Protein backbone atom coordinates (compact mmCIF):
# COMPACT_ATOMS: atom_id res chain seq x y z
CA MET A 1 54.26 91.55 169.98
CA ALA A 2 52.18 91.50 166.56
CA LEU A 3 54.53 93.14 164.31
CA ALA A 4 56.81 90.65 165.31
CA ASP A 5 54.95 87.60 164.66
CA ALA A 6 54.03 88.85 161.05
CA ALA A 7 57.90 89.25 160.60
CA ARG A 8 58.35 85.51 161.46
CA ARG A 9 55.85 84.88 159.03
CA TRP A 10 57.77 86.60 156.08
CA GLN A 11 60.79 84.87 156.75
CA ASP A 12 59.58 82.06 155.62
CA ALA A 13 60.53 82.17 151.79
CA ASP A 14 57.51 79.85 150.88
CA PHE A 15 55.04 82.14 152.94
CA PRO A 16 52.60 83.06 149.41
CA PRO A 17 52.47 86.65 150.11
CA ARG A 18 56.21 86.52 149.82
CA VAL A 19 56.52 84.51 147.27
CA ARG A 20 53.39 86.99 145.26
CA ALA A 21 55.60 90.29 146.62
CA THR A 22 58.65 88.49 145.02
CA ARG A 23 57.90 87.96 141.91
CA ALA A 24 56.43 92.00 142.11
CA LEU A 25 59.15 93.24 143.33
CA ILE A 26 61.31 91.31 140.33
CA ALA A 27 59.35 92.80 138.00
CA ARG A 28 59.42 96.66 139.40
CA THR A 29 63.37 96.83 140.18
CA GLY A 30 64.98 94.45 138.03
CA TYR A 31 67.19 92.82 140.38
CA THR A 32 67.38 89.13 140.41
CA GLU A 33 65.24 86.79 142.78
CA PRO A 34 69.02 86.55 144.81
CA VAL A 35 69.19 89.70 145.15
CA VAL A 36 65.96 90.01 146.68
CA ASP A 37 66.03 87.24 148.51
CA PHE A 38 68.56 88.87 150.60
CA ALA A 39 66.97 91.79 151.14
CA LEU A 40 63.39 90.11 152.36
CA ASP A 41 65.53 88.23 154.86
CA ALA A 42 67.57 91.08 155.96
CA LEU A 43 64.32 93.40 156.62
CA PHE A 44 61.94 90.83 157.77
CA GLY A 45 65.06 89.21 160.47
CA GLU A 46 65.24 93.09 161.59
CA ILE A 47 61.73 93.43 163.01
CA ASP A 48 61.38 91.55 166.08
CA ALA A 49 60.35 93.05 169.33
CA GLY A 50 63.50 93.05 170.89
CA ALA A 51 65.18 95.44 168.44
CA LEU A 52 61.74 97.63 168.78
CA GLY A 53 61.97 97.60 172.44
CA ALA A 54 65.58 98.63 172.48
CA ALA A 55 64.88 101.45 169.74
CA ILE A 56 61.78 103.03 171.87
CA ALA A 57 63.56 102.61 174.92
CA GLY A 58 66.68 104.34 173.75
CA GLU A 59 64.67 107.83 172.17
CA LEU A 60 62.34 107.69 174.96
CA GLY A 61 64.25 106.21 177.92
CA SER A 62 61.36 103.90 178.65
CA LEU A 63 58.75 102.14 177.21
CA GLU A 64 56.40 102.86 179.68
CA ALA A 65 56.89 106.68 178.89
CA LEU A 66 54.31 105.61 176.46
CA GLU A 67 51.91 105.12 178.64
CA ARG A 68 52.67 107.06 181.35
CA PHE A 69 54.67 109.55 183.35
CA VAL A 70 58.25 108.22 183.95
CA ALA A 71 60.70 110.28 186.02
CA ARG A 72 63.53 111.68 184.54
CA SER A 73 67.10 112.56 186.11
CA GLY A 74 66.99 116.09 186.24
CA ARG A 75 64.21 116.80 184.18
CA PRO A 76 60.20 116.66 184.68
CA ASP A 77 58.50 114.06 184.58
CA VAL A 78 57.60 112.70 180.84
CA ARG A 79 55.59 110.67 179.11
CA TYR A 80 54.78 110.93 175.37
CA ALA A 81 51.49 110.12 173.45
CA GLY A 82 51.20 109.27 169.74
CA VAL A 83 50.97 111.32 166.94
CA ALA A 84 47.10 111.07 165.45
CA SER A 85 48.01 110.56 162.03
CA VAL A 86 50.66 110.05 159.63
CA VAL A 87 51.42 109.66 155.87
CA ILE A 88 54.87 107.30 154.93
CA ILE A 89 55.77 107.81 150.99
CA ALA A 90 57.86 105.04 150.20
CA SER A 91 61.26 105.12 148.17
CA ASP A 92 60.60 103.98 144.38
CA THR A 93 64.60 101.93 144.77
CA THR A 94 65.48 100.62 147.90
CA ILE A 95 62.81 97.35 148.79
CA GLY A 96 61.01 97.83 151.53
CA VAL A 97 62.15 101.25 153.13
CA ALA A 98 58.77 102.09 154.58
CA LEU A 99 58.55 99.08 156.94
CA PRO A 100 60.98 99.83 159.66
CA ALA A 101 58.30 103.54 160.05
CA LEU A 102 55.81 101.72 159.69
CA ALA A 103 56.32 99.52 163.11
CA PHE A 104 57.28 102.68 164.53
CA ALA A 105 54.55 104.90 163.99
CA LEU A 106 52.08 101.73 165.06
CA CYS A 107 54.33 101.60 168.35
CA ALA A 108 53.15 105.00 168.77
CA GLY A 109 49.71 104.43 168.02
CA ALA A 110 49.33 106.56 165.00
CA HIS A 111 46.95 105.73 161.75
CA VAL A 112 48.89 105.21 158.74
CA THR A 113 48.61 105.86 155.21
CA VAL A 114 51.46 104.34 153.02
CA LYS A 115 52.10 105.68 149.25
CA ASP A 116 52.89 102.17 148.38
CA ARG A 117 54.86 100.98 145.60
CA ASP A 118 53.53 98.70 142.37
CA ASP A 119 54.67 95.82 143.65
CA LEU A 120 52.66 96.76 146.67
CA LEU A 121 55.02 95.22 149.88
CA VAL A 122 53.59 97.33 152.22
CA ALA A 123 50.20 96.54 151.60
CA ALA A 124 50.28 92.90 151.80
CA PHE A 125 52.44 92.98 155.12
CA ALA A 126 49.68 95.27 156.20
CA GLU A 127 47.15 91.94 155.74
CA THR A 128 49.51 89.34 157.54
CA LEU A 129 49.79 91.93 160.33
CA ALA A 130 45.79 92.16 160.71
CA GLU A 131 45.54 88.36 160.46
CA GLU A 132 47.89 88.86 163.64
CA TRP A 133 45.92 91.64 165.34
CA PRO A 134 43.50 92.76 163.58
CA GLU A 135 42.91 96.08 165.30
CA LEU A 136 46.63 96.55 164.38
CA GLY A 137 45.75 96.46 160.89
CA ALA A 138 42.59 98.82 161.00
CA ARG A 139 45.07 101.40 161.86
CA ILE A 140 46.70 100.78 157.78
CA VAL A 141 46.31 102.57 154.47
CA ALA A 142 48.41 100.75 152.29
CA SER A 143 48.27 101.36 148.67
CA ALA A 144 49.96 102.95 145.42
CA TRP A 145 49.04 106.61 145.20
CA ASP A 146 49.91 109.72 143.56
CA ALA A 147 50.81 111.79 146.00
CA GLY A 148 49.98 115.29 143.61
CA ASP A 149 46.10 113.75 142.67
CA ALA A 150 43.67 114.84 145.26
CA ALA A 151 43.27 111.92 147.51
CA GLY A 152 47.47 112.42 147.99
CA ARG A 153 46.92 116.03 148.47
CA ALA A 154 44.15 115.20 151.14
CA ALA A 155 46.65 112.93 152.86
CA LEU A 156 49.15 114.77 153.33
CA ARG A 157 47.14 117.95 154.61
CA ALA A 158 45.90 115.94 157.50
CA ALA A 159 49.03 114.18 158.27
CA ASP A 160 50.44 114.89 161.67
CA THR A 161 53.30 113.37 160.46
CA VAL A 162 55.20 113.05 156.76
CA VAL A 163 58.08 110.82 155.91
CA ALA A 164 59.10 110.62 152.57
CA PHE A 165 62.02 109.25 150.63
CA GLY A 166 63.10 110.49 147.05
CA ARG A 167 64.60 113.16 144.88
CA ASP A 168 64.81 116.65 146.80
CA ASP A 169 62.79 117.81 143.38
CA THR A 170 60.33 115.11 145.18
CA LEU A 171 60.47 116.14 148.90
CA ALA A 172 59.77 119.54 147.73
CA ALA A 173 56.68 119.06 145.82
CA ILE A 174 55.35 116.84 149.53
CA ARG A 175 56.82 119.37 152.17
CA ALA A 176 55.07 122.04 149.94
CA GLU A 177 51.51 120.56 150.64
CA LEU A 178 51.61 120.37 154.76
CA ARG A 179 49.96 121.88 156.87
CA PRO A 180 52.37 124.25 158.88
CA ASP A 181 52.55 122.64 161.77
CA ALA A 182 52.91 119.33 160.71
CA ARG A 183 56.21 117.25 161.15
CA PHE A 184 57.98 116.15 157.74
CA VAL A 185 61.09 114.15 158.12
CA GLY A 186 62.61 113.63 154.42
CA PHE A 187 65.34 111.33 153.27
CA GLY A 188 66.81 112.78 150.03
CA HIS A 189 69.54 110.36 148.20
CA ARG A 190 72.65 109.85 149.47
CA THR A 191 75.68 107.23 148.76
CA SER A 192 78.18 105.26 150.79
CA VAL A 193 81.85 105.25 150.74
CA ALA A 194 84.63 102.66 151.99
CA TYR A 195 87.70 103.35 153.63
CA VAL A 196 90.25 100.00 153.98
CA ALA A 197 93.27 101.05 156.60
CA ARG A 198 96.52 99.70 155.96
CA GLU A 199 96.63 97.83 159.18
CA PHE A 200 93.90 95.84 157.15
CA LEU A 201 96.38 95.32 153.83
CA ALA A 202 99.10 93.44 156.15
CA THR A 203 98.74 90.45 154.65
CA GLU A 204 96.68 88.58 150.94
CA ARG A 205 94.57 87.05 153.04
CA ASP A 206 93.92 90.38 155.27
CA ALA A 207 93.22 91.90 151.81
CA ARG A 208 91.14 88.92 149.95
CA ALA A 209 88.98 88.60 152.96
CA ALA A 210 88.17 92.85 153.00
CA ALA A 211 87.91 93.27 149.16
CA HIS A 212 85.14 90.11 149.38
CA ALA A 213 83.17 92.15 151.67
CA ALA A 214 83.59 95.30 149.63
CA ALA A 215 81.94 93.45 146.65
CA ARG A 216 79.14 92.37 148.64
CA ASP A 217 78.44 96.12 149.58
CA VAL A 218 79.00 97.14 145.70
CA LEU A 219 77.21 95.10 144.02
CA LEU A 220 74.17 93.83 146.10
CA TYR A 221 71.12 95.88 144.66
CA ASP A 222 72.74 96.66 141.25
CA GLY A 223 74.47 99.40 142.96
CA ASP A 224 71.54 101.04 143.55
CA GLY A 225 70.54 103.20 147.13
CA CYS A 226 72.42 105.12 149.52
CA LEU A 227 74.00 102.16 150.80
CA SER A 228 76.17 101.36 148.14
CA PRO A 229 79.27 102.54 147.87
CA HIS A 230 80.62 104.01 145.18
CA ALA A 231 83.76 105.09 146.56
CA LEU A 232 86.53 103.51 148.60
CA PHE A 233 89.90 104.72 149.99
CA VAL A 234 92.49 102.68 150.37
CA GLU A 235 95.48 103.66 152.64
CA ARG A 236 98.80 103.38 151.09
CA GLY A 237 101.64 101.54 153.58
CA GLY A 238 100.10 98.63 154.21
CA ALA A 239 102.46 94.88 152.85
CA VAL A 240 99.62 95.38 149.75
CA THR A 241 98.86 97.87 147.58
CA PRO A 242 95.89 99.95 146.77
CA ARG A 243 96.37 99.36 142.76
CA ALA A 244 96.58 95.48 143.97
CA PHE A 245 93.49 95.96 146.54
CA ALA A 246 91.63 96.83 143.43
CA LEU A 247 92.77 94.01 141.75
CA GLU A 248 91.43 91.96 144.24
CA LEU A 249 88.38 93.92 144.47
CA ALA A 250 87.68 92.49 140.42
CA ARG A 251 88.24 89.72 141.11
CA ALA A 252 86.09 89.41 144.84
CA CYS A 253 83.47 90.86 142.19
CA ASP A 254 83.23 88.32 139.92
CA GLU A 255 83.32 85.84 142.80
CA VAL A 256 79.96 87.65 144.68
CA ALA A 257 77.98 87.78 140.86
CA VAL A 258 77.75 84.07 140.79
CA GLU A 259 75.70 84.77 144.42
CA PHE A 260 74.00 88.25 143.43
CA PRO A 261 74.20 88.01 139.55
CA ALA A 262 72.98 91.08 137.65
CA GLY A 263 69.45 92.26 137.06
CA TYR A 264 70.89 93.26 133.45
CA ALA A 265 72.62 91.37 131.10
CA GLU A 266 74.40 94.93 128.85
CA LEU A 267 76.34 98.23 130.96
CA ASP A 268 73.51 101.13 131.03
CA PRO A 269 74.60 104.00 128.43
CA ALA A 270 76.07 106.31 131.68
CA ALA A 271 77.56 103.12 133.10
CA ALA A 272 79.18 102.92 128.61
CA ALA A 273 80.21 106.05 128.71
CA TYR A 274 82.37 105.87 132.27
CA ARG A 275 83.41 102.73 130.85
CA ARG A 276 85.36 104.47 127.51
CA ALA A 277 86.62 106.99 129.44
CA ALA A 278 88.39 105.11 131.90
CA LEU A 279 89.52 102.92 129.53
CA PHE A 280 91.06 106.06 127.57
CA ARG A 281 92.80 107.44 130.53
CA ALA A 282 94.23 104.12 131.23
CA SER A 283 95.92 103.93 127.52
CA GLN A 284 97.17 107.48 128.25
CA GLY A 285 98.67 105.73 131.42
CA THR A 286 96.23 107.63 133.91
CA GLY A 287 94.54 104.80 136.28
CA GLU A 288 93.31 101.22 135.35
CA LEU A 289 89.79 99.56 135.15
CA PHE A 290 88.67 96.29 136.13
CA CYS A 291 85.64 95.14 134.07
CA GLY A 292 83.63 92.15 135.01
CA VAL A 293 84.61 89.00 133.18
CA THR A 294 81.40 87.59 132.81
CA ALA A 295 78.98 90.28 134.84
CA PRO A 296 78.39 94.00 133.95
CA HIS A 297 80.66 95.87 136.70
CA LEU A 298 83.02 98.61 137.02
CA ILE A 299 85.83 98.80 139.48
CA ALA A 300 88.33 102.37 138.18
CA TYR A 301 91.81 102.04 140.15
CA HIS A 302 92.32 105.67 140.70
CA PRO A 303 90.30 107.74 139.12
CA PRO A 304 90.53 111.33 138.49
CA ALA A 305 90.14 112.85 141.98
CA ASP A 306 89.01 116.17 141.13
CA GLU A 307 85.79 114.09 139.68
CA PRO A 308 83.18 112.69 141.63
CA PRO A 309 82.84 108.86 141.99
CA PRO A 310 80.82 106.76 139.79
CA LEU A 311 77.32 106.75 140.70
CA LEU A 312 76.53 104.45 138.80
CA ARG A 313 75.10 100.63 138.83
CA ARG A 314 77.91 98.44 140.39
CA THR A 315 80.68 100.80 139.55
CA ALA A 316 83.14 101.64 142.42
CA GLY A 317 86.78 103.59 142.42
CA VAL A 318 89.38 102.53 144.07
CA TYR A 319 91.02 106.07 145.55
CA PRO A 320 94.39 105.90 146.87
CA VAL A 321 94.98 108.16 149.97
CA ASP A 322 97.71 108.66 152.54
CA GLY A 323 95.15 109.02 155.33
CA PRO A 324 91.98 110.08 156.65
CA ASP A 325 92.23 113.69 155.67
CA GLU A 326 92.72 113.18 151.88
CA ALA A 327 89.54 111.19 152.49
CA LEU A 328 87.99 114.03 153.85
CA GLY A 329 88.89 116.55 151.30
CA PHE A 330 88.06 114.57 148.72
CA LEU A 331 84.41 113.72 150.28
CA ARG A 332 84.18 117.93 151.26
CA ARG A 333 85.41 118.42 147.61
CA HIS A 334 82.53 116.77 145.79
CA ALA A 335 80.27 117.79 149.15
CA LEU A 336 78.79 114.22 149.09
CA PRO A 337 76.00 113.03 151.41
CA LEU A 338 76.76 110.00 152.70
CA GLU A 339 74.66 107.38 154.62
CA ALA A 340 77.04 105.56 156.20
CA LEU A 341 81.02 104.96 156.27
CA ALA A 342 82.36 100.92 155.54
CA PHE A 343 85.90 100.36 157.27
CA ALA A 344 87.35 96.91 156.92
CA GLY A 345 87.48 95.97 160.74
CA GLU A 346 87.52 97.97 163.92
CA PRO A 347 88.86 101.49 163.41
CA ARG A 348 91.11 103.70 164.55
CA ALA A 349 90.53 107.29 166.01
CA ASP A 350 90.99 109.48 163.36
CA LEU A 351 89.05 107.30 161.61
CA ALA A 352 86.08 107.39 163.71
CA ALA A 353 86.88 111.21 163.47
CA LEU A 354 86.79 111.01 159.97
CA ALA A 355 83.15 109.56 159.70
CA VAL A 356 81.82 112.08 162.10
CA ALA A 357 83.54 115.37 160.08
CA SER A 358 82.13 113.39 156.66
CA GLY A 359 78.70 113.59 157.63
CA ALA A 360 78.02 109.98 157.66
CA ALA A 361 75.07 108.47 159.85
CA ARG A 362 76.34 105.31 160.51
CA ILE A 363 79.92 103.56 160.61
CA ALA A 364 79.35 100.10 159.63
CA PRO A 365 81.53 96.99 159.03
CA LEU A 366 82.62 96.47 155.50
CA GLY A 367 80.83 93.52 154.16
CA ARG A 368 77.81 94.84 156.03
CA LEU A 369 76.87 98.31 154.67
CA GLN A 370 73.55 96.57 153.07
CA GLN A 371 71.98 95.32 156.93
CA PRO A 372 71.22 98.13 158.94
CA PRO A 373 70.06 97.43 162.36
CA LEU A 374 66.60 98.38 162.74
CA ALA A 375 67.38 100.04 166.67
CA GLY A 376 70.22 102.33 164.71
CA GLU A 377 69.16 105.72 163.66
CA HIS A 378 68.64 105.83 159.94
CA GLY A 379 69.83 108.98 158.22
CA GLY A 380 70.14 110.37 161.71
CA ILE A 381 66.68 110.73 162.62
CA GLY A 382 65.21 108.60 165.46
CA ARG A 383 63.10 105.97 164.66
CA ILE A 384 60.02 107.03 167.27
CA LEU A 385 60.67 110.24 168.07
CA PRO A 386 59.17 111.76 164.98
CA PHE A 387 55.73 110.11 165.70
CA VAL A 388 55.44 111.20 169.82
CA ARG A 389 54.75 114.37 171.43
CA ALA A 390 56.41 114.94 175.03
CA ILE A 391 53.59 115.81 177.46
CA TYR A 392 56.03 117.07 180.70
CA ARG A 393 54.54 117.46 183.85
CA GLY A 394 56.27 119.89 186.71
């Protein structure tokens, strides 16, 4: 498959288009080179024929349903036809988030226009695709354009399906430009959280492993994006206390920061203000704050439950809880829109129920929050379903 072959070329860190894209991504995002390399490895490592085929077959019943009518148990025969025109508006933060949507839109047979970012990552990948299969490359137009200018508005009004990533006000403005019958799939800003159950705090070794996994999730991409956890709920009752876990997490962040250094040397004003407030609370005997030894990150232990979690760069709050009901109450109190809920190890039945009740779209292993599988339903939305229409016979 041309998509998988092109992605395989991009997995090579010395592939010239990737080298150029890496420099451009560092300039645009401010992330350090190890972080950008991690992002590109994870992104292109997921785009393979098996994952694409599994996702399509899982949502449509079979790959053949894209080419002919197939039988369904208890339902009329069906086949799926791709929509003619798709517009994808890339995120201004997450690296390459438009590429999975592009891959599935192409699998559906659509012509795709991508509002790329200044790093032109999608455009560069489209050039590689065109080398693998010119007819496929001819179905992609990728460039940096303004959705509010005449050309951008014209592209939106002509689209059968629009996929957009951005703030709620941006999504509302985009939706207002679409035809009434156009499909709109909007991915607004979300966050993620983690839960460390008492059974994974049975020994210091267990706690250390969980803390190191959590530190990777907290620090990657400098805490930006919907898969960065800013609240970690830690159960009481384990041999390792929640406070001891918070201290272990701070130590782990110092270690992980060597592998994935921050893209900035000083805390931004909002994080600096949070640090001052947390230090003041700690001086009054409420909670504690652990700061990075050589890098700017903050781990707040027992921050006020009546305040939202610190949605700041490389910052997380550790909240001691007696059980999942307490965590769910916190999430509902602050109306946090969740992309994922991470657990250390296999979650208990009550914790799996917490994930469902929280509204999270994904249950993830702690330490792999930032590596979502291609075949998963990002944001709870199907991968190829937005780009096809069903024709049933009966």
